[in-house]
N, C-alpha and C. Protein backbone atom coordinates (compact mmCIF):
# COMPACT_ATOMS: atom_id res chain seq x y z
N MET A 1 111.75 86.69 89.28
CA MET A 1 112.10 85.73 90.38
C MET A 1 110.89 85.55 91.25
N VAL A 2 109.90 86.62 91.48
CA VAL A 2 108.89 86.30 92.27
C VAL A 2 107.61 86.87 91.56
N THR A 3 106.53 86.41 92.01
CA THR A 3 105.23 86.95 91.64
C THR A 3 104.44 87.34 92.97
N LEU A 4 103.55 88.18 93.01
CA LEU A 4 102.74 88.50 93.96
C LEU A 4 101.32 88.19 93.75
N GLN A 5 100.70 87.30 94.67
CA GLN A 5 99.33 86.86 94.46
C GLN A 5 98.40 87.29 95.63
N PRO A 6 97.27 87.79 95.30
CA PRO A 6 96.36 88.08 96.52
C PRO A 6 96.29 87.02 97.39
N MET A 7 96.39 87.29 98.84
CA MET A 7 96.30 86.27 99.75
C MET A 7 94.86 85.62 99.74
N THR A 8 94.85 84.28 99.90
CA THR A 8 93.59 83.58 100.10
C THR A 8 93.19 83.88 101.57
N THR A 9 92.04 83.45 101.86
CA THR A 9 91.54 83.59 103.38
C THR A 9 92.47 82.75 104.23
N ALA A 10 92.83 81.48 103.80
CA ALA A 10 93.58 80.64 104.68
C ALA A 10 95.00 81.34 104.80
N GLN A 11 95.53 81.87 103.68
CA GLN A 11 96.92 82.60 103.76
C GLN A 11 96.89 83.72 104.79
N PHE A 12 95.65 84.52 104.71
CA PHE A 12 95.50 85.63 105.52
C PHE A 12 95.38 85.20 107.00
N GLN A 13 94.73 84.22 107.22
CA GLN A 13 94.59 83.75 108.74
C GLN A 13 96.02 83.37 109.25
N GLN A 14 96.75 82.66 108.54
CA GLN A 14 98.10 82.34 108.92
C GLN A 14 98.89 83.58 109.12
N PHE A 15 98.84 84.49 108.08
CA PHE A 15 99.57 85.78 108.15
C PHE A 15 99.28 86.57 109.50
N PHE A 16 97.88 86.62 109.70
CA PHE A 16 97.42 87.49 110.66
C PHE A 16 97.97 87.07 112.10
N GLN A 17 97.89 85.82 112.42
CA GLN A 17 98.41 85.36 113.60
C GLN A 17 99.85 85.54 113.78
N THR A 18 100.68 85.21 112.74
CA THR A 18 102.09 85.38 112.73
C THR A 18 102.57 86.96 112.79
N ALA A 19 101.77 87.66 112.18
CA ALA A 19 102.20 89.11 111.98
C ALA A 19 101.84 89.83 113.38
N ILE A 20 100.71 89.42 113.99
CA ILE A 20 100.62 90.06 115.42
C ILE A 20 101.63 89.70 116.42
N THR A 21 102.08 88.41 116.38
CA THR A 21 103.08 87.85 117.18
C THR A 21 104.57 88.62 116.96
N ASN A 22 104.85 88.67 115.73
CA ASN A 22 106.09 89.22 115.25
C ASN A 22 106.01 90.77 115.55
N TYR A 23 104.94 91.53 115.33
CA TYR A 23 104.81 92.94 115.58
C TYR A 23 105.01 93.16 117.06
N ALA A 24 104.22 92.37 117.81
CA ALA A 24 104.38 92.53 119.28
C ALA A 24 105.69 92.31 119.81
N ALA A 25 106.45 91.42 119.29
CA ALA A 25 107.90 91.20 119.75
C ALA A 25 108.86 92.34 119.32
N GLU A 26 108.62 92.92 118.07
CA GLU A 26 109.48 94.02 117.54
C GLU A 26 109.10 95.22 118.40
N LYS A 27 107.79 95.36 118.91
CA LYS A 27 107.53 96.62 119.65
C LYS A 27 108.25 96.42 121.13
N VAL A 28 108.27 95.29 121.68
CA VAL A 28 109.05 94.92 122.90
C VAL A 28 110.42 95.24 122.77
N LYS A 29 111.05 94.66 121.67
CA LYS A 29 112.40 94.76 121.40
C LYS A 29 112.91 96.25 121.23
N ALA A 30 112.03 96.94 120.64
CA ALA A 30 112.28 98.41 120.39
C ALA A 30 112.06 99.28 121.67
N GLY A 31 111.48 98.66 122.77
CA GLY A 31 111.23 99.37 124.04
C GLY A 31 109.95 100.16 123.99
N ASN A 32 109.10 99.91 123.08
CA ASN A 32 107.87 100.65 122.96
C ASN A 32 106.68 100.04 123.88
N TRP A 33 106.66 98.68 124.03
CA TRP A 33 105.66 98.18 124.84
C TRP A 33 106.36 97.08 125.81
N THR A 34 105.41 96.80 126.84
CA THR A 34 106.07 95.74 127.78
C THR A 34 105.51 94.51 127.27
N GLU A 35 106.25 93.35 127.65
CA GLU A 35 105.88 92.09 127.00
C GLU A 35 104.60 91.65 127.49
N GLU A 36 104.11 91.96 128.66
CA GLU A 36 102.85 91.55 129.19
C GLU A 36 101.65 92.03 128.43
N ASP A 37 101.86 93.25 127.87
CA ASP A 37 100.63 94.03 127.17
C ASP A 37 100.85 93.85 125.59
N SER A 38 101.89 93.32 125.21
CA SER A 38 102.32 93.42 123.69
C SER A 38 101.33 92.84 122.79
N LEU A 39 100.95 91.56 123.02
CA LEU A 39 100.09 90.89 122.23
C LEU A 39 98.62 91.63 122.19
N GLN A 40 98.20 92.09 123.28
CA GLN A 40 96.99 92.86 123.20
C GLN A 40 97.03 94.11 122.41
N HIS A 41 98.12 94.84 122.67
CA HIS A 41 98.23 96.09 121.79
C HIS A 41 98.42 95.81 120.28
N ALA A 42 99.16 94.71 120.06
CA ALA A 42 99.38 94.36 118.59
C ALA A 42 98.05 93.93 117.94
N ARG A 43 97.17 93.04 118.60
CA ARG A 43 95.92 92.67 117.98
C ARG A 43 95.13 93.86 117.75
N GLN A 44 95.05 94.80 118.65
CA GLN A 44 94.21 96.07 118.64
C GLN A 44 94.67 96.85 117.42
N ASP A 45 95.91 96.97 117.28
CA ASP A 45 96.38 97.70 116.10
C ASP A 45 96.01 96.99 114.72
N PHE A 46 96.11 95.73 114.72
CA PHE A 46 95.72 95.05 113.50
C PHE A 46 94.28 95.07 113.30
N ASP A 47 93.47 94.90 114.37
CA ASP A 47 91.98 95.04 114.29
C ASP A 47 91.60 96.46 113.71
N ASN A 48 92.29 97.44 114.06
CA ASN A 48 91.93 98.83 113.60
C ASN A 48 92.41 99.10 112.15
N LEU A 49 93.56 98.47 111.87
CA LEU A 49 93.95 98.55 110.44
C LEU A 49 93.24 97.79 109.45
N LEU A 50 92.91 96.70 109.88
CA LEU A 50 92.16 95.58 108.97
C LEU A 50 90.91 95.18 109.62
N PRO A 51 89.91 95.98 109.77
CA PRO A 51 88.68 95.63 110.22
C PRO A 51 87.84 94.61 109.46
N ASP A 52 88.12 94.63 108.22
CA ASP A 52 87.46 93.67 107.32
C ASP A 52 88.47 92.59 106.85
N ARG A 53 89.41 92.44 107.65
CA ARG A 53 90.47 91.43 107.36
C ARG A 53 91.23 91.61 105.95
N GLU A 54 91.19 90.45 105.21
CA GLU A 54 91.90 90.71 103.95
C GLU A 54 90.95 91.32 102.88
N HIS A 55 89.80 91.65 103.32
CA HIS A 55 88.89 92.47 102.29
C HIS A 55 88.82 93.96 102.65
N THR A 56 89.66 94.51 103.64
CA THR A 56 89.72 95.73 103.88
C THR A 56 89.94 96.75 102.82
N LYS A 57 89.15 97.72 102.58
CA LYS A 57 89.39 98.58 101.44
C LYS A 57 90.75 99.19 101.59
N ASP A 58 91.21 99.38 100.36
CA ASP A 58 92.64 100.08 100.18
C ASP A 58 93.77 99.29 100.85
N HIS A 59 93.66 98.08 101.18
CA HIS A 59 94.68 97.34 101.76
C HIS A 59 94.96 96.05 100.80
N TYR A 60 96.18 95.96 100.35
CA TYR A 60 96.53 94.98 99.32
C TYR A 60 97.56 94.02 99.87
N LEU A 61 97.03 92.77 100.25
CA LEU A 61 97.81 91.82 100.95
C LEU A 61 98.15 90.61 99.98
N PHE A 62 99.42 90.40 99.89
CA PHE A 62 99.91 89.48 98.85
C PHE A 62 100.73 88.38 99.41
N ALA A 63 100.63 87.20 98.80
CA ALA A 63 101.61 86.06 99.06
C ALA A 63 102.65 86.29 98.06
N ILE A 64 103.94 86.13 98.50
CA ILE A 64 105.08 86.19 97.66
C ILE A 64 105.44 84.84 97.16
N MET A 65 105.36 84.55 95.90
CA MET A 65 105.58 83.18 95.33
C MET A 65 106.80 83.18 94.61
N SER A 66 107.62 82.14 94.86
CA SER A 66 108.86 81.84 94.02
C SER A 66 108.45 81.45 92.67
N GLU A 67 109.65 81.31 91.88
CA GLU A 67 109.38 80.87 90.56
C GLU A 67 109.03 79.35 90.54
N ASN A 68 109.26 78.57 91.61
CA ASN A 68 108.72 77.22 91.59
C ASN A 68 107.35 77.12 92.16
N GLY A 69 106.73 78.21 92.51
CA GLY A 69 105.39 78.21 93.06
C GLY A 69 105.27 78.08 94.51
N ASP A 70 106.43 78.13 95.22
CA ASP A 70 106.40 78.14 96.76
C ASP A 70 106.17 79.42 97.30
N GLN A 71 105.19 79.50 98.28
CA GLN A 71 105.08 80.71 98.98
C GLN A 71 106.33 80.97 99.95
N VAL A 72 107.09 82.10 99.49
CA VAL A 72 108.24 82.35 100.32
C VAL A 72 107.97 83.62 101.33
N GLY A 73 106.92 84.09 101.30
CA GLY A 73 106.74 85.27 102.30
C GLY A 73 105.35 85.95 101.90
N ILE A 74 105.16 87.23 102.66
CA ILE A 74 104.02 88.08 102.47
C ILE A 74 104.42 89.55 102.21
N ILE A 75 103.64 90.33 101.69
CA ILE A 75 103.83 91.73 101.62
C ILE A 75 102.48 92.41 101.70
N TRP A 76 102.37 93.42 102.58
CA TRP A 76 101.15 94.19 102.72
C TRP A 76 101.35 95.64 102.36
N LEU A 77 100.52 96.14 101.37
CA LEU A 77 100.63 97.45 100.85
C LEU A 77 99.26 98.13 101.25
N ALA A 78 99.13 99.23 101.63
CA ALA A 78 97.99 100.00 101.92
C ALA A 78 97.96 101.41 101.32
N ARG A 79 96.90 101.93 100.75
CA ARG A 79 96.76 103.20 100.18
C ARG A 79 96.60 104.19 101.41
N GLN A 80 97.47 105.25 101.48
CA GLN A 80 97.28 106.28 102.45
C GLN A 80 96.50 107.41 101.93
N THR A 81 96.93 107.86 100.65
CA THR A 81 96.30 108.91 99.94
C THR A 81 96.19 108.39 98.52
N ALA A 82 95.57 109.27 97.78
CA ALA A 82 95.33 108.92 96.31
C ALA A 82 96.75 108.45 95.57
N GLU A 83 97.74 109.15 96.03
CA GLU A 83 99.00 109.10 95.43
C GLU A 83 100.08 108.46 96.26
N LYS A 84 99.78 108.09 97.48
CA LYS A 84 100.80 107.45 98.32
C LYS A 84 100.38 106.21 98.95
N GLY A 85 101.31 105.12 98.96
CA GLY A 85 101.12 103.84 99.63
C GLY A 85 101.92 103.80 100.69
N PHE A 86 101.79 102.74 101.60
CA PHE A 86 102.51 102.47 102.67
C PHE A 86 102.60 100.88 102.90
N ILE A 87 103.83 100.54 102.96
CA ILE A 87 104.01 99.03 103.29
C ILE A 87 104.00 98.77 104.64
N TYR A 88 103.04 98.00 105.17
CA TYR A 88 102.80 97.76 106.60
C TYR A 88 103.68 96.54 107.07
N ASP A 89 103.92 95.62 106.01
CA ASP A 89 104.71 94.52 106.41
C ASP A 89 105.21 93.79 105.26
N ILE A 90 106.31 93.24 105.35
CA ILE A 90 106.96 92.27 104.49
C ILE A 90 107.72 91.32 105.31
N LEU A 91 107.53 90.06 104.88
CA LEU A 91 108.19 88.96 105.65
C LEU A 91 108.56 87.89 104.68
N ILE A 92 109.78 87.52 104.71
CA ILE A 92 110.32 86.45 103.83
C ILE A 92 110.63 85.32 105.12
N GLU A 93 110.01 84.05 104.56
CA GLU A 93 110.22 83.00 105.55
C GLU A 93 111.62 82.60 105.65
N GLU A 94 111.93 82.21 106.95
CA GLU A 94 113.42 81.96 107.35
C GLU A 94 114.14 81.10 106.22
N ALA A 95 113.63 80.12 105.81
CA ALA A 95 114.32 79.27 104.84
C ALA A 95 114.61 79.91 103.45
N TYR A 96 114.02 81.10 103.27
CA TYR A 96 114.25 81.71 101.93
C TYR A 96 115.01 83.05 102.03
N ARG A 97 115.34 83.39 103.32
CA ARG A 97 116.07 84.64 103.52
C ARG A 97 117.35 84.59 102.90
N GLY A 98 117.90 85.77 102.56
CA GLY A 98 119.35 85.95 101.96
C GLY A 98 119.35 85.51 100.56
N LYS A 99 118.28 85.22 99.88
CA LYS A 99 118.44 84.70 98.61
C LYS A 99 117.78 85.63 97.48
N GLY A 100 117.43 86.88 97.93
CA GLY A 100 117.02 87.84 96.98
C GLY A 100 115.54 87.97 96.88
N TYR A 101 114.85 87.24 97.62
CA TYR A 101 113.34 87.31 97.53
C TYR A 101 112.77 88.54 98.07
N GLY A 102 113.34 89.08 99.12
CA GLY A 102 112.90 90.42 99.73
C GLY A 102 113.10 91.47 98.70
N LYS A 103 114.08 91.62 98.04
CA LYS A 103 114.47 92.68 97.15
C LYS A 103 113.54 92.53 95.94
N ALA A 104 113.36 91.34 95.48
CA ALA A 104 112.45 91.05 94.29
C ALA A 104 111.02 91.40 94.72
N ALA A 105 110.53 91.13 95.79
CA ALA A 105 109.23 91.32 96.22
C ALA A 105 108.99 92.98 96.43
N MET A 106 110.02 93.61 97.01
CA MET A 106 109.88 95.09 97.05
C MET A 106 109.81 95.65 95.56
N GLN A 107 110.55 95.11 94.73
CA GLN A 107 110.42 95.67 93.23
C GLN A 107 109.15 95.30 92.70
N GLN A 108 108.52 94.23 93.02
CA GLN A 108 107.24 93.91 92.49
C GLN A 108 106.19 94.75 93.02
N ILE A 109 106.38 94.99 94.38
CA ILE A 109 105.29 95.86 95.07
C ILE A 109 105.18 97.29 94.39
N GLU A 110 106.38 97.66 93.95
CA GLU A 110 106.42 99.00 93.31
C GLU A 110 105.68 99.06 91.88
N VAL A 111 105.71 97.93 91.13
CA VAL A 111 104.90 97.67 90.03
C VAL A 111 103.33 97.74 90.43
N GLU A 112 103.05 96.98 91.46
CA GLU A 112 101.71 96.91 91.87
C GLU A 112 101.22 98.33 92.26
N ALA A 113 101.97 99.03 93.07
CA ALA A 113 101.66 100.44 93.48
C ALA A 113 101.41 101.37 92.30
N LYS A 114 102.28 101.29 91.34
CA LYS A 114 102.12 102.08 90.12
C LYS A 114 100.80 101.77 89.37
N GLN A 115 100.51 100.46 89.24
CA GLN A 115 99.31 100.15 88.63
C GLN A 115 98.09 100.60 89.47
N LEU A 116 98.18 100.81 90.66
CA LEU A 116 97.11 101.35 91.47
C LEU A 116 97.06 102.78 91.52
N GLY A 117 98.00 103.44 90.80
CA GLY A 117 98.03 104.87 90.78
C GLY A 117 98.86 105.71 91.83
N MET A 118 99.60 104.88 92.57
CA MET A 118 100.44 105.40 93.62
C MET A 118 101.76 105.95 92.84
N GLN A 119 102.16 107.02 93.44
CA GLN A 119 103.51 107.73 93.08
C GLN A 119 104.54 107.61 94.11
N LYS A 120 104.19 107.20 95.30
CA LYS A 120 105.18 107.06 96.33
C LYS A 120 104.79 105.99 97.18
N ILE A 121 105.79 105.31 97.79
CA ILE A 121 105.62 104.25 98.86
C ILE A 121 106.44 104.59 100.03
N GLY A 122 105.77 104.49 101.26
CA GLY A 122 106.55 104.80 102.51
C GLY A 122 106.49 103.52 103.22
N LEU A 123 107.38 103.33 104.21
CA LEU A 123 107.43 102.26 105.11
C LEU A 123 108.04 102.71 106.57
N HIS A 124 107.90 101.76 107.51
CA HIS A 124 108.55 102.02 108.77
C HIS A 124 109.46 100.83 108.91
N VAL A 125 110.65 101.02 109.51
CA VAL A 125 111.53 100.02 109.78
C VAL A 125 112.11 100.16 111.19
N PHE A 126 112.19 99.19 112.07
CA PHE A 126 112.64 99.27 113.34
C PHE A 126 114.14 99.55 113.27
N GLY A 127 114.75 100.39 114.06
CA GLY A 127 116.11 100.72 114.00
C GLY A 127 116.95 99.58 114.25
N HIS A 128 116.61 98.62 114.94
CA HIS A 128 117.47 97.48 115.27
C HIS A 128 117.46 96.43 114.15
N ASN A 129 116.64 96.60 113.10
CA ASN A 129 116.67 95.64 111.96
C ASN A 129 117.48 96.15 110.80
N LYS A 130 118.87 95.97 111.08
CA LYS A 130 119.84 96.43 110.16
C LYS A 130 119.62 95.80 108.84
N THR A 131 119.30 94.60 108.69
CA THR A 131 119.20 93.74 107.46
C THR A 131 118.10 94.51 106.63
N ALA A 132 116.99 95.01 107.22
CA ALA A 132 115.84 95.58 106.51
C ALA A 132 116.36 97.03 106.09
N VAL A 133 117.12 97.72 106.95
CA VAL A 133 117.60 99.08 106.65
C VAL A 133 118.39 98.94 105.43
N HIS A 134 119.32 98.05 105.40
CA HIS A 134 120.16 97.88 104.25
C HIS A 134 119.39 97.50 102.87
N LEU A 135 118.43 96.70 103.10
CA LEU A 135 117.60 96.40 101.86
C LEU A 135 116.97 97.73 101.33
N TYR A 136 116.40 98.41 102.16
CA TYR A 136 115.61 99.70 101.72
C TYR A 136 116.61 100.65 101.17
N ASP A 137 117.83 100.81 101.88
CA ASP A 137 118.69 101.65 101.33
C ASP A 137 119.21 101.31 99.88
N SER A 138 119.40 99.97 99.60
CA SER A 138 119.68 99.46 98.31
C SER A 138 118.71 99.72 97.29
N LEU A 139 117.43 99.91 97.67
CA LEU A 139 116.31 100.18 96.77
C LEU A 139 115.99 101.62 96.71
N ASP A 140 116.93 102.58 97.21
CA ASP A 140 116.71 103.94 97.10
C ASP A 140 115.72 104.58 97.95
N TYR A 141 115.19 103.94 98.97
CA TYR A 141 114.28 104.52 99.94
C TYR A 141 115.18 105.55 100.63
N GLN A 142 114.56 106.69 100.89
CA GLN A 142 115.07 107.87 101.66
C GLN A 142 114.54 107.91 103.00
N THR A 143 115.41 108.20 104.04
CA THR A 143 115.02 108.44 105.44
C THR A 143 114.37 109.78 105.62
N THR A 144 112.99 109.66 106.05
CA THR A 144 112.29 110.84 106.15
C THR A 144 112.15 111.23 107.66
N ASN A 145 112.32 110.44 108.60
CA ASN A 145 112.11 110.72 110.03
C ASN A 145 113.04 109.72 110.71
N ILE A 146 113.69 110.19 111.83
CA ILE A 146 114.47 109.44 112.80
C ILE A 146 113.99 109.66 114.20
N VAL A 147 113.47 108.67 114.93
CA VAL A 147 113.13 108.81 116.23
C VAL A 147 114.18 108.07 117.10
N MET A 148 114.63 108.94 118.08
CA MET A 148 115.78 108.28 118.87
C MET A 148 115.52 108.27 120.33
N GLU A 149 116.11 107.38 121.02
CA GLU A 149 115.74 107.29 122.56
C GLU A 149 116.93 106.79 123.24
N LYS A 150 117.09 107.19 124.53
CA LYS A 150 118.28 106.89 125.33
C LYS A 150 117.72 106.47 126.69
N GLU A 151 118.08 105.31 127.15
CA GLU A 151 117.87 104.91 128.54
C GLU A 151 118.71 105.58 129.56
N LEU A 152 118.10 106.19 130.60
CA LEU A 152 118.72 106.94 131.60
C LEU A 152 118.87 106.06 132.92
């Protein structure tokens, strides 16, 4: 249903700007950052993670392509150790959501990870993102940590 293609420089530039904005908004929604500082914090995190942008060692950035050749999203896998990868981001474009592309991309990234010698994949999901939690549950991802907070 999907193929993963390494991002081109143009695809990366579009992803980078969108990802920073989305990440900042998610951190604000989760109560981790204030809106005023969120873009600055997000850019700093991304600059630290991807100092050489799409050419950063041990980071694998893919465009998710439909069977028709349309780009339907992106997925970013990084090597944390020789045997473990971490999915930093997956995004399915709004028009393609709910059509199975996210699940298919997650299944394809497992194939890529195995080819890279990884035996495990981790990821982070914001607690308020119930759709993503459901997707990862359906793919047999196991909860390893839960961080909870209460407003007083």
